[in-house]
Amino acid sequence: MMRTLRALLATSLFFGVVPLLATAGDKDEMVDNPMYTAWASFKPGATATVIETTTYSEDKKTLPDRKQVTYTLLKVGPARVTVRAVVIEQELLGTVETAPTRHNYPAKLKKSYLAVAAPDLNAKKGEDTITWKGKELKCQTLSGSYKKDGDTVEFKAWTNSGIPGGVVKRTRTTKAKDDTITTTITLHSYKVDDK
Protein backbone atom coordinates (compact mmCIF):
# COMPACT_ATOMS: atom_id res chain seq x y z
CA MET A 1 0.00 0.00 0.00
CA MET A 2 2.74 2.46 0.97
CA ARG A 3 4.71 1.45 -2.13
CA THR A 4 1.69 2.36 -4.25
CA LEU A 5 1.32 5.72 -2.50
CA ARG A 6 5.01 6.47 -2.97
CA ALA A 7 4.71 5.51 -6.65
CA LEU A 8 1.73 7.86 -7.05
CA LEU A 9 3.60 10.74 -5.46
CA ALA A 10 6.74 10.00 -7.49
CA THR A 11 4.63 9.98 -10.64
CA SER A 12 3.12 13.34 -9.70
CA LEU A 13 6.58 14.75 -9.15
CA PHE A 14 7.81 13.19 -12.40
CA PHE A 15 5.20 14.86 -14.59
CA GLY A 16 5.68 18.20 -12.93
CA VAL A 17 9.46 18.33 -13.21
CA VAL A 18 10.11 17.43 -16.82
CA PRO A 19 9.70 21.04 -18.09
CA LEU A 20 12.24 22.21 -15.54
CA LEU A 21 14.87 19.79 -16.80
CA ALA A 22 14.93 21.50 -20.19
CA THR A 23 16.33 24.62 -18.53
CA ALA A 24 18.96 22.71 -16.55
CA GLY A 25 22.32 24.27 -15.84
CA ASP A 26 24.48 23.48 -12.83
CA LYS A 27 23.16 20.38 -11.01
CA ASP A 28 23.37 22.08 -7.62
CA GLU A 29 21.32 25.06 -8.76
CA MET A 30 18.17 25.59 -6.70
CA VAL A 31 14.97 25.44 -8.76
CA ASP A 32 11.26 25.77 -8.08
CA ASN A 33 9.67 22.60 -6.74
CA PRO A 34 6.72 21.77 -9.01
CA MET A 35 4.83 20.13 -6.14
CA TYR A 36 5.11 23.34 -4.10
CA THR A 37 4.03 25.43 -7.08
CA ALA A 38 0.97 23.21 -7.69
CA TRP A 39 -0.33 23.89 -4.16
CA ALA A 40 1.09 27.23 -2.98
CA SER A 41 -1.51 29.48 -4.62
CA PHE A 42 -4.36 27.85 -2.68
CA LYS A 43 -5.57 28.34 0.89
CA PRO A 44 -5.45 25.59 3.54
CA GLY A 45 -8.48 23.37 3.19
CA ALA A 46 -8.26 23.10 -0.60
CA THR A 47 -8.68 19.49 -1.73
CA ALA A 48 -8.30 17.36 -4.83
CA THR A 49 -9.51 13.79 -5.14
CA VAL A 50 -8.24 11.59 -7.95
CA ILE A 51 -9.10 8.08 -9.08
CA GLU A 52 -6.16 5.88 -10.06
CA THR A 53 -6.86 2.75 -12.09
CA THR A 54 -4.16 0.27 -13.14
CA THR A 55 -4.77 -2.55 -15.61
CA TYR A 56 -2.49 -5.42 -16.63
CA SER A 57 -2.79 -7.02 -20.09
CA GLU A 58 -1.66 -10.44 -18.87
CA ASP A 59 -3.96 -10.59 -15.83
CA LYS A 60 -7.44 -10.68 -17.37
CA LYS A 61 -9.11 -12.65 -14.55
CA THR A 62 -8.80 -9.99 -11.85
CA LEU A 63 -10.34 -6.59 -11.55
CA PRO A 64 -8.16 -3.54 -12.25
CA ASP A 65 -6.41 -1.99 -9.25
CA ARG A 66 -8.49 1.03 -8.24
CA LYS A 67 -7.62 3.68 -5.68
CA GLN A 68 -9.17 6.95 -4.61
CA VAL A 69 -6.63 9.45 -3.27
CA THR A 70 -7.74 12.62 -1.51
CA TYR A 71 -5.17 15.37 -1.06
CA THR A 72 -5.85 18.21 1.40
CA LEU A 73 -3.71 21.31 1.74
CA LEU A 74 -2.87 21.79 5.42
CA LYS A 75 -0.30 24.61 5.50
CA VAL A 76 1.11 27.16 3.07
CA GLY A 77 4.25 29.16 3.76
CA PRO A 78 7.01 30.84 1.78
CA ALA A 79 9.39 27.93 2.44
CA ARG A 80 7.06 24.91 2.10
CA VAL A 81 3.54 23.52 1.80
CA THR A 82 2.12 20.57 3.74
CA VAL A 83 -0.39 18.27 2.05
CA ARG A 84 -2.25 15.36 3.65
CA ALA A 85 -3.06 12.29 1.52
CA VAL A 86 -5.58 9.54 2.27
CA VAL A 87 -5.81 6.50 -0.01
CA ILE A 88 -8.90 4.28 -0.26
CA GLU A 89 -8.07 1.10 -2.13
CA GLN A 90 -10.66 -1.21 -3.67
CA GLU A 91 -10.54 -4.87 -2.62
CA LEU A 92 -12.72 -7.70 -3.86
CA LEU A 93 -15.08 -7.55 -0.86
CA GLY A 94 -14.74 -3.92 0.19
CA THR A 95 -12.26 -1.10 0.59
CA VAL A 96 -9.22 -0.30 2.74
CA GLU A 97 -8.48 3.25 3.87
CA THR A 98 -4.90 4.13 4.77
CA ALA A 99 -3.96 6.32 7.69
CA PRO A 100 -3.39 9.90 6.54
CA THR A 101 0.15 10.73 5.47
CA ARG A 102 1.70 14.22 5.43
CA HIS A 103 3.87 15.41 2.58
CA ASN A 104 6.04 18.49 2.97
CA TYR A 105 7.10 20.11 -0.30
CA PRO A 106 9.84 22.75 -0.02
CA ALA A 107 9.59 25.77 -2.33
CA LYS A 108 13.05 25.12 -3.79
CA LEU A 109 14.97 21.92 -4.56
CA LYS A 110 18.40 21.14 -5.93
CA LYS A 111 18.15 20.56 -9.65
CA SER A 112 20.07 17.30 -9.19
CA TYR A 113 17.16 15.95 -7.08
CA LEU A 114 14.75 16.63 -9.94
CA ALA A 115 17.08 14.97 -12.42
CA VAL A 116 16.91 11.76 -10.38
CA ALA A 117 13.09 11.92 -10.30
CA ALA A 118 12.78 12.24 -14.09
CA PRO A 119 14.90 10.57 -16.76
CA ASP A 120 16.36 12.63 -19.61
CA LEU A 121 13.62 12.64 -22.21
CA ASN A 122 12.19 14.78 -24.95
CA ALA A 123 8.77 15.63 -23.56
CA LYS A 124 6.41 17.62 -25.73
CA LYS A 125 4.49 20.52 -24.21
CA GLY A 126 1.10 21.56 -25.51
CA GLU A 127 -2.42 22.62 -24.70
CA ASP A 128 -5.68 20.71 -24.78
CA THR A 129 -9.24 21.09 -23.52
CA ILE A 130 -10.83 18.31 -21.49
CA THR A 131 -14.52 18.03 -20.77
CA TRP A 132 -14.80 17.32 -17.06
CA LYS A 133 -18.23 16.89 -15.46
CA GLY A 134 -19.88 18.88 -18.25
CA LYS A 135 -17.48 21.83 -18.27
CA GLU A 136 -14.50 22.60 -20.44
CA LEU A 137 -11.11 22.74 -18.68
CA LYS A 138 -8.17 24.22 -20.56
CA CYS A 139 -5.06 22.23 -19.73
CA GLN A 140 -1.34 22.33 -20.25
CA THR A 141 -0.11 18.98 -21.57
CA LEU A 142 3.13 17.10 -21.36
CA SER A 143 3.69 13.88 -23.32
CA GLY A 144 6.49 11.61 -24.38
CA SER A 145 8.16 8.27 -23.92
CA TYR A 146 11.38 6.85 -22.55
CA LYS A 147 13.10 3.53 -21.90
CA LYS A 148 13.60 2.20 -18.38
CA ASP A 149 15.21 -1.15 -17.60
CA GLY A 150 14.42 -2.36 -21.13
CA ASP A 151 10.74 -1.40 -20.89
CA THR A 152 9.10 1.40 -22.90
CA VAL A 153 7.12 3.96 -20.90
CA GLU A 154 4.68 6.30 -22.66
CA PHE A 155 2.97 9.10 -20.76
CA LYS A 156 0.69 12.08 -21.10
CA ALA A 157 -0.40 14.55 -18.43
CA TRP A 158 -3.09 17.25 -18.46
CA THR A 159 -2.73 19.92 -15.76
CA ASN A 160 -4.62 23.06 -14.80
CA SER A 161 -3.32 25.67 -12.34
CA GLY A 162 -6.85 26.30 -11.05
CA ILE A 163 -7.01 22.77 -9.61
CA PRO A 164 -5.28 22.14 -6.24
CA GLY A 165 -2.26 19.98 -7.06
CA GLY A 166 -2.80 20.67 -10.78
CA VAL A 167 -3.75 17.15 -11.95
CA VAL A 168 -6.74 16.80 -14.29
CA LYS A 169 -5.70 13.56 -15.99
CA ARG A 170 -2.58 11.50 -16.41
CA THR A 171 -1.85 8.27 -18.28
CA ARG A 172 1.23 6.07 -18.19
CA THR A 173 1.67 2.84 -20.16
CA THR A 174 4.63 0.57 -19.49
CA LYS A 175 5.28 -2.02 -22.19
CA ALA A 176 7.34 -4.90 -20.84
CA LYS A 177 8.22 -8.23 -22.47
CA ASP A 178 5.26 -10.10 -21.04
CA ASP A 179 2.82 -7.43 -19.95
CA THR A 180 1.46 -3.98 -20.65
CA ILE A 181 0.61 -1.99 -17.54
CA THR A 182 -1.60 1.07 -17.95
CA THR A 183 -2.24 3.52 -15.12
CA THR A 184 -4.79 6.29 -15.54
CA ILE A 185 -5.32 9.03 -12.97
CA THR A 186 -8.36 11.28 -13.35
CA LEU A 187 -9.65 14.15 -11.28
CA HIS A 188 -12.76 13.07 -9.39
CA SER A 189 -13.48 16.26 -7.43
CA TYR A 190 -11.85 19.33 -5.98
CA LYS A 191 -12.62 22.16 -3.59
CA VAL A 192 -11.05 25.59 -3.39
CA ASP A 193 -11.62 27.56 -0.19
CA ASP A 194 -12.47 31.10 -1.31
CA LYS A 195 -12.66 32.61 2.20
C-alpha atoms as a PDB file:
ATOM      1  CA  MET A   1       0.000   0.000   0.000  1.00  0.00           C
ATOM      2  CA  MET A   2       2.739   2.463   0.969  1.00  0.00           C
ATOM      3  CA  ARG A   3       4.706   1.448  -2.130  1.00  0.00           C
ATOM      4  CA  THR A   4       1.694   2.364  -4.253  1.00  0.00           C
ATOM      5  CA  LEU A   5       1.317   5.721  -2.502  1.00  0.00           C
ATOM      6  CA  ARG A   6       5.009   6.467  -2.972  1.00  0.00           C
ATOM      7  CA  ALA A   7       4.710   5.510  -6.649  1.00  0.00           C
ATOM      8  CA  LEU A   8       1.728   7.857  -7.052  1.00  0.00           C
ATOM      9  CA  LEU A   9       3.597  10.736  -5.465  1.00  0.00           C
ATOM     10  CA  ALA A  10       6.739  10.002  -7.487  1.00  0.00           C
ATOM     11  CA  THR A  11       4.634   9.979 -10.640  1.00  0.00           C
ATOM     12  CA  SER A  12       3.117  13.342  -9.696  1.00  0.00           C
ATOM     13  CA  LEU A  13       6.583  14.753  -9.155  1.00  0.00           C
ATOM     14  CA  PHE A  14       7.814  13.193 -12.398  1.00  0.00           C
ATOM     15  CA  PHE A  15       5.199  14.856 -14.594  1.00  0.00           C
ATOM     16  CA  GLY A  16       5.675  18.203 -12.926  1.00  0.00           C
ATOM     17  CA  VAL A  17       9.462  18.329 -13.205  1.00  0.00           C
ATOM     18  CA  VAL A  18      10.113  17.427 -16.824  1.00  0.00           C
ATOM     19  CA  PRO A  19       9.699  21.040 -18.086  1.00  0.00           C
ATOM     20  CA  LEU A  20      12.240  22.215 -15.537  1.00  0.00           C
ATOM     21  CA  LEU A  21      14.865  19.791 -16.805  1.00  0.00           C
ATOM     22  CA  ALA A  22      14.931  21.501 -20.186  1.00  0.00           C
ATOM     23  CA  THR A  23      16.333  24.618 -18.529  1.00  0.00           C
ATOM     24  CA  ALA A  24      18.956  22.711 -16.547  1.00  0.00           C
ATOM     25  CA  GLY A  25      22.323  24.266 -15.836  1.00  0.00           C
ATOM     26  CA  ASP A  26      24.475  23.478 -12.833  1.00  0.00           C
ATOM     27  CA  LYS A  27      23.162  20.378 -11.005  1.00  0.00           C
ATOM     28  CA  ASP A  28      23.368  22.077  -7.624  1.00  0.00           C
ATOM     29  CA  GLU A  29      21.323  25.059  -8.762  1.00  0.00           C
ATOM     30  CA  MET A  30      18.166  25.594  -6.700  1.00  0.00           C
ATOM     31  CA  VAL A  31      14.974  25.440  -8.761  1.00  0.00           C
ATOM     32  CA  ASP A  32      11.258  25.770  -8.085  1.00  0.00           C
ATOM     33  CA  ASN A  33       9.673  22.603  -6.737  1.00  0.00           C
ATOM     34  CA  PRO A  34       6.721  21.765  -9.011  1.00  0.00           C
ATOM     35  CA  MET A  35       4.835  20.132  -6.142  1.00  0.00           C
ATOM     36  CA  TYR A  36       5.115  23.336  -4.100  1.00  0.00           C
ATOM     37  CA  THR A  37       4.029  25.427  -7.082  1.00  0.00           C
ATOM     38  CA  ALA A  38       0.972  23.212  -7.693  1.00  0.00           C
ATOM     39  CA  TRP A  39      -0.327  23.887  -4.155  1.00  0.00           C
ATOM     40  CA  ALA A  40       1.093  27.232  -2.984  1.00  0.00           C
ATOM     41  CA  SER A  41      -1.508  29.482  -4.624  1.00  0.00           C
ATOM     42  CA  PHE A  42      -4.356  27.846  -2.681  1.00  0.00           C
ATOM     43  CA  LYS A  43      -5.567  28.339   0.886  1.00  0.00           C
ATOM     44  CA  PRO A  44      -5.449  25.593   3.540  1.00  0.00           C
ATOM     45  CA  GLY A  45      -8.483  23.368   3.192  1.00  0.00           C
ATOM     46  CA  ALA A  46      -8.258  23.103  -0.601  1.00  0.00           C
ATOM     47  CA  THR A  47      -8.682  19.494  -1.735  1.00  0.00           C
ATOM     48  CA  ALA A  48      -8.305  17.363  -4.829  1.00  0.00           C
ATOM     49  CA  THR A  49      -9.507  13.789  -5.136  1.00  0.00           C
ATOM     50  CA  VAL A  50      -8.236  11.591  -7.950  1.00  0.00           C
ATOM     51  CA  ILE A  51      -9.102   8.083  -9.077  1.00  0.00           C
ATOM     52  CA  GLU A  52      -6.163   5.884 -10.055  1.00  0.00           C
ATOM     53  CA  THR A  53      -6.860   2.751 -12.093  1.00  0.00           C
ATOM     54  CA  THR A  54      -4.161   0.275 -13.136  1.00  0.00           C
ATOM     55  CA  THR A  55      -4.772  -2.548 -15.609  1.00  0.00           C
ATOM     56  CA  TYR A  56      -2.495  -5.418 -16.634  1.00  0.00           C
ATOM     57  CA  SER A  57      -2.786  -7.016 -20.086  1.00  0.00           C
ATOM     58  CA  GLU A  58      -1.661 -10.441 -18.870  1.00  0.00           C
ATOM     59  CA  ASP A  59      -3.960 -10.590 -15.833  1.00  0.00           C
ATOM     60  CA  LYS A  60      -7.441 -10.683 -17.367  1.00  0.00           C
ATOM     61  CA  LYS A  61      -9.111 -12.647 -14.550  1.00  0.00           C
ATOM     62  CA  THR A  62      -8.801  -9.993 -11.848  1.00  0.00           C
ATOM     63  CA  LEU A  63     -10.340  -6.586 -11.552  1.00  0.00           C
ATOM     64  CA  PRO A  64      -8.162  -3.545 -12.254  1.00  0.00           C
ATOM     65  CA  ASP A  65      -6.412  -1.989  -9.249  1.00  0.00           C
ATOM     66  CA  ARG A  66      -8.492   1.029  -8.238  1.00  0.00           C
ATOM     67  CA  LYS A  67      -7.620   3.680  -5.681  1.00  0.00           C
ATOM     68  CA  GLN A  68      -9.171   6.954  -4.606  1.00  0.00           C
ATOM     69  CA  VAL A  69      -6.632   9.446  -3.275  1.00  0.00           C
ATOM     70  CA  THR A  70      -7.740  12.624  -1.508  1.00  0.00           C
ATOM     71  CA  TYR A  71      -5.166  15.375  -1.062  1.00  0.00           C
ATOM     72  CA  THR A  72      -5.848  18.207   1.404  1.00  0.00           C
ATOM     73  CA  LEU A  73      -3.708  21.310   1.736  1.00  0.00           C
ATOM     74  CA  LEU A  74      -2.873  21.795   5.421  1.00  0.00           C
ATOM     75  CA  LYS A  75      -0.301  24.614   5.499  1.00  0.00           C
ATOM     76  CA  VAL A  76       1.115  27.156   3.071  1.00  0.00           C
ATOM     77  CA  GLY A  77       4.249  29.165   3.758  1.00  0.00           C
ATOM     78  CA  PRO A  78       7.014  30.836   1.780  1.00  0.00           C
ATOM     79  CA  ALA A  79       9.386  27.925   2.444  1.00  0.00           C
ATOM     80  CA  ARG A  80       7.057  24.905   2.099  1.00  0.00           C
ATOM     81  CA  VAL A  81       3.537  23.520   1.802  1.00  0.00           C
ATOM     82  CA  THR A  82       2.122  20.571   3.739  1.00  0.00           C
ATOM     83  CA  VAL A  83      -0.385  18.274   2.054  1.00  0.00           C
ATOM     84  CA  ARG A  84      -2.250  15.357   3.648  1.00  0.00           C
ATOM     85  CA  ALA A  85      -3.056  12.286   1.521  1.00  0.00           C
ATOM     86  CA  VAL A  86      -5.584   9.541   2.265  1.00  0.00           C
ATOM     87  CA  VAL A  87      -5.811   6.496  -0.013  1.00  0.00           C
ATOM     88  CA  ILE A  88      -8.896   4.285  -0.259  1.00  0.00           C
ATOM     89  CA  GLU A  89      -8.073   1.095  -2.127  1.00  0.00           C
ATOM     90  CA  GLN A  90     -10.662  -1.208  -3.665  1.00  0.00           C
ATOM     91  CA  GLU A  91     -10.543  -4.870  -2.621  1.00  0.00           C
ATOM     92  CA  LEU A  92     -12.724  -7.700  -3.856  1.00  0.00           C
ATOM     93  CA  LEU A  93     -15.078  -7.550  -0.859  1.00  0.00           C
ATOM     94  CA  GLY A  94     -14.741  -3.920   0.185  1.00  0.00           C
ATOM     95  CA  THR A  95     -12.256  -1.101   0.593  1.00  0.00           C
ATOM     96  CA  VAL A  96      -9.216  -0.298   2.736  1.00  0.00           C
ATOM     97  CA  GLU A  97      -8.482   3.254   3.867  1.00  0.00           C
ATOM     98  CA  THR A  98      -4.896   4.131   4.774  1.00  0.00           C
ATOM     99  CA  ALA A  99      -3.958   6.320   7.689  1.00  0.00           C
ATOM    100  CA  PRO A 100      -3.391   9.900   6.541  1.00  0.00           C
ATOM    101  CA  THR A 101       0.149  10.734   5.467  1.00  0.00           C
ATOM    102  CA  ARG A 102       1.704  14.220   5.427  1.00  0.00           C
ATOM    103  CA  HIS A 103       3.866  15.407   2.580  1.00  0.00           C
ATOM    104  CA  ASN A 104       6.041  18.492   2.966  1.00  0.00           C
ATOM    105  CA  TYR A 105       7.105  20.107  -0.295  1.00  0.00           C
ATOM    106  CA  PRO A 106       9.840  22.748  -0.021  1.00  0.00           C
ATOM    107  CA  ALA A 107       9.588  25.770  -2.326  1.00  0.00           C
ATOM    108  CA  LYS A 108      13.048  25.117  -3.790  1.00  0.00           C
ATOM    109  CA  LEU A 109      14.972  21.916  -4.560  1.00  0.00           C
ATOM    110  CA  LYS A 110      18.395  21.143  -5.932  1.00  0.00           C
ATOM    111  CA  LYS A 111      18.153  20.559  -9.654  1.00  0.00           C
ATOM    112  CA  SER A 112      20.069  17.301  -9.191  1.00  0.00           C
ATOM    113  CA  TYR A 113      17.158  15.950  -7.083  1.00  0.00           C
ATOM    114  CA  LEU A 114      14.748  16.634  -9.939  1.00  0.00           C
ATOM    115  CA  ALA A 115      17.081  14.967 -12.422  1.00  0.00           C
ATOM    116  CA  VAL A 116      16.906  11.759 -10.376  1.00  0.00           C
ATOM    117  CA  ALA A 117      13.085  11.917 -10.299  1.00  0.00           C
ATOM    118  CA  ALA A 118      12.781  12.242 -14.093  1.00  0.00           C
ATOM    119  CA  PRO A 119      14.904  10.574 -16.762  1.00  0.00           C
ATOM    120  CA  ASP A 120      16.362  12.625 -19.606  1.00  0.00           C
ATOM    121  CA  LEU A 121      13.615  12.643 -22.212  1.00  0.00           C
ATOM    122  CA  ASN A 122      12.186  14.776 -24.954  1.00  0.00           C
ATOM    123  CA  ALA A 123       8.773  15.631 -23.556  1.00  0.00           C
ATOM    124  CA  LYS A 124       6.407  17.623 -25.732  1.00  0.00           C
ATOM    125  CA  LYS A 125       4.488  20.522 -24.212  1.00  0.00           C
ATOM    126  CA  GLY A 126       1.104  21.557 -25.507  1.00  0.00           C
ATOM    127  CA  GLU A 127      -2.425  22.621 -24.702  1.00  0.00           C
ATOM    128  CA  ASP A 128      -5.677  20.712 -24.778  1.00  0.00           C
ATOM    129  CA  THR A 129      -9.242  21.087 -23.524  1.00  0.00           C
ATOM    130  CA  ILE A 130     -10.828  18.308 -21.488  1.00  0.00           C
ATOM    131  CA  THR A 131     -14.525  18.030 -20.771  1.00  0.00           C
ATOM    132  CA  TRP A 132     -14.803  17.319 -17.059  1.00  0.00           C
ATOM    133  CA  LYS A 133     -18.233  16.890 -15.457  1.00  0.00           C
ATOM    134  CA  GLY A 134     -19.876  18.876 -18.246  1.00  0.00           C
ATOM    135  CA  LYS A 135     -17.484  21.826 -18.270  1.00  0.00           C
ATOM    136  CA  GLU A 136     -14.498  22.596 -20.436  1.00  0.00           C
ATOM    137  CA  LEU A 137     -11.111  22.735 -18.676  1.00  0.00           C
ATOM    138  CA  LYS A 138      -8.167  24.220 -20.564  1.00  0.00           C
ATOM    139  CA  CYS A 139      -5.055  22.232 -19.729  1.00  0.00           C
ATOM    140  CA  GLN A 140      -1.339  22.328 -20.250  1.00  0.00           C
ATOM    141  CA  THR A 141      -0.110  18.983 -21.570  1.00  0.00           C
ATOM    142  CA  LEU A 142       3.134  17.099 -21.365  1.00  0.00           C
ATOM    143  CA  SER A 143       3.691  13.884 -23.317  1.00  0.00           C
ATOM    144  CA  GLY A 144       6.486  11.614 -24.381  1.00  0.00           C
ATOM    145  CA  SER A 145       8.163   8.271 -23.918  1.00  0.00           C
ATOM    146  CA  TYR A 146      11.377   6.852 -22.546  1.00  0.00           C
ATOM    147  CA  LYS A 147      13.098   3.532 -21.895  1.00  0.00           C
ATOM    148  CA  LYS A 148      13.597   2.202 -18.377  1.00  0.00           C
ATOM    149  CA  ASP A 149      15.209  -1.154 -17.596  1.00  0.00           C
ATOM    150  CA  GLY A 150      14.422  -2.358 -21.130  1.00  0.00           C
ATOM    151  CA  ASP A 151      10.739  -1.399 -20.894  1.00  0.00           C
ATOM    152  CA  THR A 152       9.104   1.398 -22.899  1.00  0.00           C
ATOM    153  CA  VAL A 153       7.123   3.955 -20.902  1.00  0.00           C
ATOM    154  CA  GLU A 154       4.679   6.296 -22.665  1.00  0.00           C
ATOM    155  CA  PHE A 155       2.970   9.101 -20.755  1.00  0.00           C
ATOM    156  CA  LYS A 156       0.688  12.082 -21.098  1.00  0.00           C
ATOM    157  CA  ALA A 157      -0.404  14.547 -18.430  1.00  0.00           C
ATOM    158  CA  TRP A 158      -3.089  17.247 -18.461  1.00  0.00           C
ATOM    159  CA  THR A 159      -2.729  19.925 -15.757  1.00  0.00           C
ATOM    160  CA  ASN A 160      -4.622  23.061 -14.800  1.00  0.00           C
ATOM    161  CA  SER A 161      -3.317  25.665 -12.343  1.00  0.00           C
ATOM    162  CA  GLY A 162      -6.854  26.300 -11.052  1.00  0.00           C
ATOM    163  CA  ILE A 163      -7.011  22.769  -9.606  1.00  0.00           C
ATOM    164  CA  PRO A 164      -5.279  22.140  -6.244  1.00  0.00           C
ATOM    165  CA  GLY A 165      -2.255  19.982  -7.061  1.00  0.00           C
ATOM    166  CA  GLY A 166      -2.800  20.667 -10.777  1.00  0.00           C
ATOM    167  CA  VAL A 167      -3.749  17.153 -11.948  1.00  0.00           C
ATOM    168  CA  VAL A 168      -6.742  16.801 -14.288  1.00  0.00           C
ATOM    169  CA  LYS A 169      -5.702  13.563 -15.993  1.00  0.00           C
ATOM    170  CA  ARG A 170      -2.577  11.496 -16.407  1.00  0.00           C
ATOM    171  CA  THR A 171      -1.853   8.273 -18.280  1.00  0.00           C
ATOM    172  CA  ARG A 172       1.230   6.067 -18.190  1.00  0.00           C
ATOM    173  CA  THR A 173       1.673   2.842 -20.156  1.00  0.00           C
ATOM    174  CA  THR A 174       4.632   0.569 -19.491  1.00  0.00           C
ATOM    175  CA  LYS A 175       5.277  -2.017 -22.187  1.00  0.00           C
ATOM    176  CA  ALA A 176       7.341  -4.898 -20.841  1.00  0.00           C
ATOM    177  CA  LYS A 177       8.216  -8.226 -22.474  1.00  0.00           C
ATOM    178  CA  ASP A 178       5.264 -10.102 -21.042  1.00  0.00           C
ATOM    179  CA  ASP A 179       2.823  -7.434 -19.955  1.00  0.00           C
ATOM    180  CA  THR A 180       1.462  -3.977 -20.651  1.00  0.00           C
ATOM    181  CA  ILE A 181       0.610  -1.986 -17.538  1.00  0.00           C
ATOM    182  CA  THR A 182      -1.600   1.067 -17.952  1.00  0.00           C
ATOM    183  CA  THR A 183      -2.235   3.523 -15.116  1.00  0.00           C
ATOM    184  CA  THR A 184      -4.787   6.293 -15.542  1.00  0.00           C
ATOM    185  CA  ILE A 185      -5.316   9.031 -12.974  1.00  0.00           C
ATOM    186  CA  THR A 186      -8.358  11.275 -13.352  1.00  0.00           C
ATOM    187  CA  LEU A 187      -9.650  14.147 -11.284  1.00  0.00           C
ATOM    188  CA  HIS A 188     -12.757  13.065  -9.386  1.00  0.00           C
ATOM    189  CA  SER A 189     -13.485  16.257  -7.430  1.00  0.00           C
ATOM    190  CA  TYR A 190     -11.845  19.328  -5.980  1.00  0.00           C
ATOM    191  CA  LYS A 191     -12.621  22.162  -3.594  1.00  0.00           C
ATOM    192  CA  VAL A 192     -11.048  25.590  -3.388  1.00  0.00           C
ATOM    193  CA  ASP A 193     -11.618  27.557  -0.194  1.00  0.00           C
ATOM    194  CA  ASP A 194     -12.472  31.102  -1.310  1.00  0.00           C
ATOM    195  CA  LYS A 195     -12.663  32.605   2.203  1.00  0.00           C
END
